[in-house]
């Protein structure tokens, strides 16, 4: 599977990652201060034994991810679609559909020292024009944000996502310094036991 690391910059468009598997980042792995630009990619039916079924970012990655599809990806732990620990992130025009994580975040996980987005000494993650539909996880059916994550959502839809074990059918945020700003958003038919 492709990897971007060591402060490298990658700009790739119109890629398809279908049916791949890895311990982390079944489709793509970005690490160590890299700056990938990911445009018009499709992450389909990828799996991770740990985190990030479709995409895994770690160690202050500064991605721009736009116009991508994450569908039918699985992670045995966190982030069926994306697992991200980012310094700053712009995620725009993304669709997360039918992704699954057995711990947290069917679509995306974000955290300070591990999971979609940000954490620790991270800057804000901006979500624009995104759809989260039919994703499933134990906690945070679509998004799980933990410990010092900052999310700015604009024109975002959460449709029919499910948390099977704890809480947050649409999304679940916890921990100190966890902030959310939302404009033009909707939550429809999301389910959680709490």
Protein backbone atom coordinates (compact mmCIF):
# COMPACT_ATOMS: atom_id res chain seq x y z
CA UNK A 1 0.00 0.00 0.00
CA UNK A 2 1.24 3.54 -0.73
CA UNK A 3 2.95 5.49 2.06
CA UNK A 4 3.81 9.18 2.46
CA UNK A 5 6.29 9.95 5.29
CA UNK A 6 9.33 11.86 6.50
CA UNK A 7 8.11 15.37 5.69
CA UNK A 8 7.36 14.46 2.08
CA UNK A 9 4.75 16.14 -0.08
CA UNK A 10 2.51 14.10 -2.35
CA UNK A 11 -0.15 15.41 -4.68
CA UNK A 12 -2.13 12.72 -6.43
CA UNK A 13 -5.52 12.82 -8.09
CA UNK A 14 -8.06 10.32 -9.42
CA UNK A 15 -6.78 7.25 -7.56
CA UNK A 16 -8.73 4.15 -6.55
CA UNK A 17 -7.76 1.96 -3.58
CA UNK A 18 -9.94 -1.14 -3.63
CA UNK A 19 -9.73 -4.28 -1.49
CA UNK A 20 -6.38 -3.58 0.21
CA UNK A 21 -5.44 -4.52 3.77
CA UNK A 22 -2.76 -3.53 6.28
CA UNK A 23 -2.24 -3.25 10.00
CA UNK A 24 -2.84 0.53 9.73
CA UNK A 25 -4.16 2.40 6.71
CA UNK A 26 -5.60 -0.31 4.50
CA UNK A 27 -5.72 2.05 1.50
CA UNK A 28 -3.11 4.74 2.25
CA UNK A 29 -0.75 5.63 5.12
CA UNK A 30 0.61 9.17 5.76
CA UNK A 31 3.14 9.75 8.57
CA UNK A 32 5.73 12.08 10.15
CA UNK A 33 4.91 15.60 9.09
CA UNK A 34 4.03 14.77 5.49
CA UNK A 35 1.70 17.03 3.50
CA UNK A 36 -0.42 14.94 1.14
CA UNK A 37 -2.98 16.47 -1.20
CA UNK A 38 -5.61 13.83 -1.86
CA UNK A 39 -8.14 14.73 -4.57
CA UNK A 40 -10.87 12.62 -6.16
CA UNK A 41 -9.71 9.37 -4.56
CA UNK A 42 -11.97 6.40 -3.91
CA UNK A 43 -11.30 4.16 -0.90
CA UNK A 44 -13.40 1.03 -1.41
CA UNK A 45 -13.52 -2.20 0.63
CA UNK A 46 -10.16 -1.66 2.36
CA UNK A 47 -9.43 -2.99 5.85
CA UNK A 48 -7.06 -2.41 8.74
CA UNK A 49 -6.23 -4.83 11.54
CA UNK A 50 -5.88 -1.80 13.82
CA UNK A 51 -6.87 1.74 12.74
CA UNK A 52 -7.81 3.49 9.49
CA UNK A 53 -9.48 1.04 7.14
CA UNK A 54 -9.29 3.46 4.21
CA UNK A 55 -6.74 6.09 5.26
CA UNK A 56 -4.38 6.49 8.24
CA UNK A 57 -2.59 9.73 9.11
CA UNK A 58 -0.27 10.15 12.10
CA UNK A 59 2.35 12.47 13.61
CA UNK A 60 1.31 15.97 12.60
CA UNK A 61 0.28 15.34 9.02
CA UNK A 62 -1.19 18.40 7.24
CA UNK A 63 -3.51 16.93 4.60
CA UNK A 64 -5.87 18.48 2.15
CA UNK A 65 -8.45 15.85 1.29
CA UNK A 66 -11.13 16.78 -1.24
CA UNK A 67 -13.85 15.16 -3.33
CA UNK A 68 -13.17 11.63 -2.09
CA UNK A 69 -15.38 8.61 -1.47
CA UNK A 70 -14.84 6.27 1.50
CA UNK A 71 -17.15 3.27 1.12
CA UNK A 72 -17.34 -0.18 2.74
CA UNK A 73 -14.00 0.15 4.59
CA UNK A 74 -13.40 -1.63 7.92
CA UNK A 75 -11.10 -1.20 10.90
CA UNK A 76 -10.81 -3.67 13.76
CA UNK A 77 -10.25 -0.75 16.15
CA UNK A 78 -10.79 2.94 15.22
CA UNK A 79 -11.68 4.86 12.06
CA UNK A 80 -13.26 2.58 9.47
CA UNK A 81 -12.90 5.30 6.82
CA UNK A 82 -10.13 7.49 8.29
CA UNK A 83 -7.99 7.47 11.41
CA UNK A 84 -6.28 10.84 11.72
CA UNK A 85 -3.91 12.61 14.05
CA UNK A 86 -3.41 15.88 12.20
CA UNK A 87 -1.76 19.19 12.81
CA UNK A 88 -4.29 20.95 10.60
CA UNK A 89 -6.72 19.42 8.20
CA UNK A 90 -9.06 20.51 5.45
CA UNK A 91 -11.60 17.88 4.44
CA UNK A 92 -13.96 18.99 1.73
CA UNK A 93 -16.55 17.28 -0.47
CA UNK A 94 -16.10 13.88 1.19
CA UNK A 95 -18.64 11.06 1.31
CA UNK A 96 -18.35 8.37 3.98
CA UNK A 97 -20.77 5.52 3.31
CA UNK A 98 -21.16 2.13 5.01
CA UNK A 99 -17.79 2.13 6.79
CA UNK A 100 -17.37 0.15 10.00
CA UNK A 101 -15.08 0.27 13.02
CA UNK A 102 -15.41 -2.15 15.87
CA UNK A 103 -14.30 0.36 18.53
CA UNK A 104 -14.93 3.97 17.49
CA UNK A 105 -15.85 6.00 14.40
CA UNK A 106 -17.27 4.09 11.50
CA UNK A 107 -16.31 6.96 9.21
CA UNK A 108 -13.57 8.98 10.94
CA UNK A 109 -11.65 9.24 14.20
CA UNK A 110 -9.75 12.23 15.56
CA UNK A 111 -7.73 12.40 18.70
CA UNK A 112 -4.74 13.82 20.41
CA UNK A 113 -2.57 10.82 20.62
CA UNK A 114 -4.22 8.42 18.30
CA UNK A 115 -7.48 8.50 16.26
CA UNK A 116 -10.71 11.50 12.52
CA UNK A 117 -9.05 14.29 13.41
CA UNK A 118 -6.57 16.36 15.17
CA UNK A 119 -5.60 16.12 18.78
CA UNK A 120 -2.76 16.90 21.17
CA UNK A 121 -1.18 20.09 19.95
CA UNK A 122 -3.19 20.02 16.76
CA UNK A 123 -4.87 22.83 14.97
CA UNK A 124 -8.48 22.77 13.85
CA UNK A 125 -9.97 20.38 11.35
CA UNK A 126 -12.37 21.91 8.87
CA UNK A 127 -15.14 19.80 7.35
CA UNK A 128 -17.00 21.30 4.37
CA UNK A 129 -19.71 19.79 2.19
CA UNK A 130 -19.41 16.26 3.64
CA UNK A 131 -21.90 13.41 3.93
CA UNK A 132 -21.75 10.65 6.54
CA UNK A 133 -24.22 7.91 5.71
CA UNK A 134 -24.79 4.41 7.09
CA UNK A 135 -21.54 4.16 9.06
CA UNK A 136 -21.33 1.88 12.13
CA UNK A 137 -19.09 1.76 15.20
CA UNK A 138 -19.29 0.90 18.88
CA UNK A 139 -18.96 4.60 19.77
CA UNK A 140 -19.45 7.48 17.34
CA UNK A 141 -21.19 5.92 14.36
CA UNK A 142 -19.77 8.53 11.98
CA UNK A 143 -17.11 10.51 13.92
CA UNK A 144 -15.26 9.93 17.17
CA UNK A 145 -13.23 12.89 18.45
CA UNK A 146 -11.19 12.55 21.61
CA UNK A 147 -9.01 14.86 23.69
CA UNK A 148 -8.19 18.30 22.32
CA UNK A 149 -9.86 17.91 18.97
CA UNK A 150 -11.31 20.92 17.21
CA UNK A 151 -13.90 20.52 14.48
CA UNK A 152 -15.49 23.15 12.28
CA UNK A 153 -18.41 21.69 10.30
CA UNK A 154 -20.09 23.55 7.43
CA UNK A 155 -22.77 22.02 5.19
CA UNK A 156 -22.40 18.55 6.69
CA UNK A 157 -25.03 15.78 6.75
CA UNK A 158 -25.20 12.84 9.17
CA UNK A 159 -27.68 10.27 7.81
CA UNK A 160 -28.49 6.86 9.28
CA UNK A 161 -25.26 6.26 11.21
CA UNK A 162 -25.24 3.83 14.16
CA UNK A 163 -23.37 3.52 17.44
CA UNK A 164 -23.87 -0.07 18.55
CA UNK A 165 -22.39 -0.11 22.03
CA UNK A 166 -22.04 3.24 23.76
CA UNK A 167 -23.19 6.58 22.34
CA UNK A 168 -23.13 9.04 19.47
CA UNK A 169 -24.98 7.71 16.46
CA UNK A 170 -23.92 10.76 14.42
CA UNK A 171 -20.77 11.65 16.32
CA UNK A 172 -19.19 11.36 19.74
CA UNK A 173 -16.76 13.90 21.22
CA UNK A 174 -15.09 13.70 24.62
CA UNK A 175 -12.14 14.92 26.65
CA UNK A 176 -10.75 18.29 27.59
CA UNK A 177 -10.41 21.08 25.04
CA UNK A 178 -12.72 19.35 22.56
CA UNK A 179 -14.55 22.00 20.55
CA UNK A 180 -17.14 21.95 17.76
CA UNK A 181 -18.56 24.70 15.56
CA UNK A 182 -21.42 23.79 13.22
CA UNK A 183 -23.24 25.75 10.51
CA UNK A 184 -25.73 24.43 7.95
CA UNK A 185 -25.86 20.83 9.19
CA UNK A 186 -28.40 18.04 9.61
CA UNK A 187 -28.75 14.88 11.67
CA UNK A 188 -31.32 12.38 10.38
CA UNK A 189 -32.07 8.82 11.45
CA UNK A 190 -28.86 8.29 13.46
CA UNK A 191 -29.11 5.67 16.22
CA UNK A 192 -27.33 5.01 19.52
CA UNK A 193 -28.20 3.07 22.68
CA UNK A 194 -27.55 6.09 24.95
